[in-house]
Amino acid sequence: MDFAQLFQVTNYVIWGIFGLIGIFGFIGAFLAATTREDAFEVADRQKKMVWVAILIASGFVLAAFGPEIPILPWVAIIMIGLYWFDVRPQIKSILEGAGGW
């Protein structure tokens, strides 16, 4: 295997990772769209449709452009991660009635 093939395989793997994260952005947008509006207000987060728009735009950027644009895909990955690891768990605990203090 020469360097050109190795570069091509690496490029396909990177595109696959970015595409997979983009799919999770679309899944997150669907979950945010089916969540009650008042849960976002109680969690003191942005409005429901703002998160839906952010996640759809982030998924589109990752699926369409992948790693081709220098900074935009990384911002999209951060926004998708922020939803999945910060916003969604908090909203899920609010909807399940698992109050804190």
N, C-alpha and C. Protein backbone atom coordinates (compact mmCIF):
# COMPACT_ATOMS: atom_id res chain seq x y z
N MET A 1 0.85 -1.17 0.00
CA MET A 1 0.00 0.00 0.00
C MET A 1 0.90 1.24 0.00
N ASP A 2 0.73 2.08 -0.98
CA ASP A 2 1.54 3.29 -1.03
C ASP A 2 0.83 4.43 -0.30
N PHE A 3 1.48 5.57 -0.27
CA PHE A 3 0.96 6.70 0.50
C PHE A 3 -0.33 7.27 -0.09
N ALA A 4 -0.50 7.19 -1.40
CA ALA A 4 -1.72 7.71 -2.01
C ALA A 4 -2.93 6.89 -1.58
N GLN A 5 -2.78 5.58 -1.54
CA GLN A 5 -3.88 4.74 -1.09
C GLN A 5 -4.16 4.95 0.40
N LEU A 6 -3.10 5.05 1.18
CA LEU A 6 -3.26 5.30 2.61
C LEU A 6 -3.97 6.63 2.85
N PHE A 7 -3.61 7.64 2.10
CA PHE A 7 -4.26 8.95 2.21
C PHE A 7 -5.73 8.84 1.83
N GLN A 8 -6.04 8.10 0.79
CA GLN A 8 -7.41 7.95 0.34
C GLN A 8 -8.25 7.19 1.38
N VAL A 9 -7.71 6.13 1.95
CA VAL A 9 -8.42 5.38 2.98
C VAL A 9 -8.66 6.25 4.22
N THR A 10 -7.63 7.00 4.61
CA THR A 10 -7.78 7.90 5.76
C THR A 10 -8.84 8.96 5.49
N ASN A 11 -8.87 9.47 4.29
CA ASN A 11 -9.88 10.47 3.93
C ASN A 11 -11.28 9.87 4.01
N TYR A 12 -11.47 8.64 3.55
CA TYR A 12 -12.78 7.98 3.64
C TYR A 12 -13.19 7.76 5.09
N VAL A 13 -12.24 7.39 5.93
CA VAL A 13 -12.55 7.17 7.35
C VAL A 13 -12.97 8.49 8.01
N ILE A 14 -12.26 9.56 7.72
CA ILE A 14 -12.61 10.86 8.29
C ILE A 14 -13.98 11.31 7.81
N TRP A 15 -14.26 11.16 6.52
CA TRP A 15 -15.58 11.50 6.00
C TRP A 15 -16.67 10.65 6.67
N GLY A 16 -16.38 9.37 6.91
CA GLY A 16 -17.34 8.51 7.58
C GLY A 16 -17.62 8.95 9.01
N ILE A 17 -16.59 9.35 9.73
CA ILE A 17 -16.78 9.82 11.11
C ILE A 17 -17.60 11.10 11.12
N PHE A 18 -17.26 12.03 10.24
CA PHE A 18 -18.02 13.29 10.19
C PHE A 18 -19.47 13.02 9.77
N GLY A 19 -19.68 12.11 8.82
CA GLY A 19 -21.04 11.77 8.41
C GLY A 19 -21.84 11.12 9.52
N LEU A 20 -21.19 10.26 10.29
CA LEU A 20 -21.87 9.62 11.42
C LEU A 20 -22.28 10.64 12.47
N ILE A 21 -21.40 11.57 12.77
CA ILE A 21 -21.75 12.62 13.73
C ILE A 21 -22.87 13.49 13.17
N GLY A 22 -22.86 13.73 11.86
CA GLY A 22 -23.95 14.48 11.22
C GLY A 22 -25.28 13.76 11.35
N ILE A 23 -25.27 12.44 11.24
CA ILE A 23 -26.51 11.67 11.42
C ILE A 23 -27.02 11.83 12.85
N PHE A 24 -26.10 11.83 13.81
CA PHE A 24 -26.52 12.05 15.19
C PHE A 24 -27.08 13.46 15.38
N GLY A 25 -26.63 14.42 14.58
CA GLY A 25 -27.21 15.75 14.62
C GLY A 25 -28.67 15.73 14.15
N PHE A 26 -28.94 14.99 13.08
CA PHE A 26 -30.32 14.89 12.59
C PHE A 26 -31.20 14.13 13.58
N ILE A 27 -30.66 13.09 14.20
CA ILE A 27 -31.43 12.36 15.21
C ILE A 27 -31.73 13.27 16.40
N GLY A 28 -30.73 14.05 16.82
CA GLY A 28 -30.94 15.00 17.91
C GLY A 28 -31.97 16.05 17.56
N ALA A 29 -31.99 16.49 16.30
CA ALA A 29 -32.99 17.47 15.86
C ALA A 29 -34.39 16.87 15.95
N PHE A 30 -34.52 15.61 15.55
CA PHE A 30 -35.82 14.95 15.66
C PHE A 30 -36.25 14.82 17.12
N LEU A 31 -35.33 14.42 17.99
CA LEU A 31 -35.67 14.29 19.40
C LEU A 31 -36.02 15.64 20.03
N ALA A 32 -35.29 16.68 19.64
CA ALA A 32 -35.59 18.01 20.17
C ALA A 32 -36.95 18.49 19.66
N ALA A 33 -37.28 18.17 18.40
CA ALA A 33 -38.56 18.60 17.84
C ALA A 33 -39.73 17.90 18.50
N THR A 34 -39.52 16.69 19.01
CA THR A 34 -40.62 15.96 19.64
C THR A 34 -40.67 16.15 21.15
N THR A 35 -39.80 17.01 21.69
CA THR A 35 -39.79 17.30 23.11
C THR A 35 -40.70 18.49 23.40
N ARG A 36 -41.29 18.50 24.58
CA ARG A 36 -42.17 19.60 24.96
C ARG A 36 -41.40 20.91 25.03
N GLU A 37 -42.06 21.99 24.61
CA GLU A 37 -41.43 23.31 24.58
C GLU A 37 -41.08 23.80 25.99
N ASP A 38 -41.94 23.53 26.95
CA ASP A 38 -41.70 24.07 28.29
C ASP A 38 -40.52 23.40 28.99
N ALA A 39 -40.10 22.23 28.53
CA ALA A 39 -38.95 21.57 29.15
C ALA A 39 -37.67 22.37 28.91
N PHE A 40 -37.57 23.00 27.75
CA PHE A 40 -36.40 23.82 27.46
C PHE A 40 -36.40 25.08 28.33
N GLU A 41 -37.58 25.62 28.58
CA GLU A 41 -37.68 26.81 29.44
C GLU A 41 -37.32 26.48 30.88
N VAL A 42 -37.81 25.34 31.36
CA VAL A 42 -37.51 24.93 32.73
C VAL A 42 -36.01 24.66 32.88
N ALA A 43 -35.40 24.10 31.87
CA ALA A 43 -33.96 23.80 31.92
C ALA A 43 -33.12 25.05 31.70
N ASP A 44 -33.76 26.19 31.43
CA ASP A 44 -33.08 27.46 31.19
C ASP A 44 -32.13 27.34 30.00
N ARG A 45 -32.65 26.76 28.92
CA ARG A 45 -31.90 26.60 27.67
C ARG A 45 -32.53 27.44 26.58
N GLN A 46 -31.91 27.44 25.42
CA GLN A 46 -32.49 28.11 24.27
C GLN A 46 -33.83 27.46 23.93
N LYS A 47 -34.65 28.16 23.18
CA LYS A 47 -35.95 27.62 22.81
C LYS A 47 -35.81 26.35 21.97
N LYS A 48 -36.87 25.60 21.95
CA LYS A 48 -36.88 24.31 21.26
C LYS A 48 -36.51 24.44 19.79
N MET A 49 -37.12 25.38 19.09
CA MET A 49 -36.87 25.51 17.66
C MET A 49 -35.47 26.03 17.36
N VAL A 50 -34.86 26.74 18.30
CA VAL A 50 -33.47 27.17 18.12
C VAL A 50 -32.56 25.95 18.12
N TRP A 51 -32.81 25.02 19.06
CA TRP A 51 -31.99 23.80 19.10
C TRP A 51 -32.24 22.93 17.88
N VAL A 52 -33.48 22.86 17.43
CA VAL A 52 -33.77 22.08 16.22
C VAL A 52 -33.01 22.67 15.03
N ALA A 53 -33.03 23.98 14.90
CA ALA A 53 -32.33 24.63 13.78
C ALA A 53 -30.81 24.44 13.88
N ILE A 54 -30.27 24.56 15.10
CA ILE A 54 -28.82 24.37 15.29
C ILE A 54 -28.43 22.95 14.90
N LEU A 55 -29.20 21.97 15.33
CA LEU A 55 -28.86 20.58 15.06
C LEU A 55 -29.02 20.21 13.59
N ILE A 56 -30.06 20.73 12.94
CA ILE A 56 -30.23 20.47 11.51
C ILE A 56 -29.10 21.12 10.72
N ALA A 57 -28.77 22.36 11.05
CA ALA A 57 -27.68 23.04 10.34
C ALA A 57 -26.35 22.33 10.57
N SER A 58 -26.11 21.89 11.80
CA SER A 58 -24.87 21.18 12.10
C SER A 58 -24.79 19.86 11.36
N GLY A 59 -25.89 19.11 11.34
CA GLY A 59 -25.92 17.85 10.60
C GLY A 59 -25.70 18.06 9.12
N PHE A 60 -26.30 19.12 8.57
CA PHE A 60 -26.12 19.41 7.15
C PHE A 60 -24.68 19.78 6.84
N VAL A 61 -24.07 20.60 7.69
CA VAL A 61 -22.67 21.00 7.47
C VAL A 61 -21.77 19.77 7.47
N LEU A 62 -21.98 18.87 8.41
CA LEU A 62 -21.12 17.69 8.49
C LEU A 62 -21.36 16.72 7.34
N ALA A 63 -22.62 16.57 6.95
CA ALA A 63 -22.92 15.63 5.87
C ALA A 63 -22.52 16.18 4.50
N ALA A 64 -22.66 17.48 4.31
CA ALA A 64 -22.40 18.06 2.99
C ALA A 64 -20.93 18.45 2.79
N PHE A 65 -20.34 19.06 3.80
CA PHE A 65 -18.99 19.59 3.64
C PHE A 65 -17.92 18.72 4.28
N GLY A 66 -18.28 17.98 5.32
CA GLY A 66 -17.31 17.13 5.99
C GLY A 66 -16.10 17.91 6.45
N PRO A 67 -14.91 17.37 6.27
CA PRO A 67 -13.70 18.06 6.76
C PRO A 67 -13.13 19.07 5.77
N GLU A 68 -13.86 19.41 4.72
CA GLU A 68 -13.33 20.29 3.68
C GLU A 68 -13.16 21.73 4.14
N ILE A 69 -14.07 22.24 4.95
CA ILE A 69 -13.98 23.62 5.45
C ILE A 69 -13.23 23.57 6.78
N PRO A 70 -12.29 24.46 7.02
CA PRO A 70 -11.42 24.33 8.19
C PRO A 70 -12.11 24.36 9.55
N ILE A 71 -12.97 25.32 9.86
CA ILE A 71 -13.45 25.45 11.23
C ILE A 71 -14.93 25.10 11.40
N LEU A 72 -15.73 25.29 10.39
CA LEU A 72 -17.18 25.11 10.50
C LEU A 72 -17.60 23.71 10.95
N PRO A 73 -17.00 22.64 10.43
CA PRO A 73 -17.38 21.31 10.91
C PRO A 73 -17.07 21.08 12.39
N TRP A 74 -16.00 21.69 12.88
CA TRP A 74 -15.66 21.52 14.29
C TRP A 74 -16.67 22.23 15.18
N VAL A 75 -17.17 23.38 14.75
CA VAL A 75 -18.22 24.07 15.49
C VAL A 75 -19.49 23.21 15.49
N ALA A 76 -19.80 22.60 14.35
CA ALA A 76 -20.98 21.73 14.26
C ALA A 76 -20.84 20.53 15.19
N ILE A 77 -19.65 19.93 15.25
CA ILE A 77 -19.43 18.79 16.14
C ILE A 77 -19.60 19.21 17.60
N ILE A 78 -19.11 20.38 17.96
CA ILE A 78 -19.25 20.87 19.33
C ILE A 78 -20.72 21.11 19.67
N MET A 79 -21.48 21.68 18.75
CA MET A 79 -22.90 21.94 19.02
C MET A 79 -23.69 20.63 19.17
N ILE A 80 -23.39 19.65 18.34
CA ILE A 80 -24.06 18.35 18.46
C ILE A 80 -23.68 17.69 19.78
N GLY A 81 -22.42 17.74 20.14
CA GLY A 81 -21.98 17.17 21.42
C GLY A 81 -22.59 17.90 22.60
N LEU A 82 -22.72 19.21 22.50
CA LEU A 82 -23.33 19.99 23.57
C LEU A 82 -24.77 19.55 23.79
N TYR A 83 -25.49 19.33 22.69
CA TYR A 83 -26.87 18.87 22.84
C TYR A 83 -26.93 17.49 23.49
N TRP A 84 -26.13 16.55 22.96
CA TRP A 84 -26.22 15.16 23.43
C TRP A 84 -25.70 14.96 24.85
N PHE A 85 -24.69 15.72 25.26
CA PHE A 85 -24.07 15.47 26.55
C PHE A 85 -24.41 16.49 27.63
N ASP A 86 -25.10 17.57 27.28
CA ASP A 86 -25.46 18.57 28.28
C ASP A 86 -26.96 18.87 28.28
N VAL A 87 -27.50 19.25 27.14
CA VAL A 87 -28.89 19.69 27.07
C VAL A 87 -29.85 18.52 27.20
N ARG A 88 -29.66 17.49 26.40
CA ARG A 88 -30.60 16.37 26.40
C ARG A 88 -30.67 15.64 27.74
N PRO A 89 -29.55 15.34 28.41
CA PRO A 89 -29.67 14.68 29.72
C PRO A 89 -30.43 15.53 30.74
N GLN A 90 -30.21 16.85 30.72
CA GLN A 90 -30.92 17.71 31.66
C GLN A 90 -32.41 17.74 31.35
N ILE A 91 -32.78 17.85 30.10
CA ILE A 91 -34.19 17.87 29.73
C ILE A 91 -34.83 16.52 30.01
N LYS A 92 -34.11 15.46 29.76
CA LYS A 92 -34.64 14.11 30.03
C LYS A 92 -34.91 13.93 31.51
N SER A 93 -34.01 14.40 32.36
CA SER A 93 -34.25 14.26 33.81
C SER A 93 -35.41 15.13 34.26
N ILE A 94 -35.60 16.28 33.64
CA ILE A 94 -36.75 17.13 33.98
C ILE A 94 -38.05 16.44 33.58
N LEU A 95 -38.09 15.87 32.39
CA LEU A 95 -39.31 15.21 31.92
C LEU A 95 -39.62 13.94 32.70
N GLU A 96 -38.59 13.27 33.22
CA GLU A 96 -38.82 12.08 34.02
C GLU A 96 -39.17 12.41 35.47
N GLY A 97 -39.07 13.67 35.83
CA GLY A 97 -39.42 14.08 37.19
C GLY A 97 -38.32 13.85 38.18
N ALA A 98 -37.11 13.67 37.72
CA ALA A 98 -35.98 13.43 38.62
C ALA A 98 -35.43 14.78 39.04
N GLY A 99 -36.07 15.39 39.98
CA GLY A 99 -35.63 16.70 40.46
C GLY A 99 -34.37 16.58 41.29
N GLY A 100 -33.67 17.65 41.39
CA GLY A 100 -32.45 17.68 42.17
C GLY A 100 -32.75 17.93 43.63
N TRP A 101 -32.32 19.01 44.10
CA TRP A 101 -32.48 19.34 45.50
C TRP A 101 -33.92 19.60 45.79
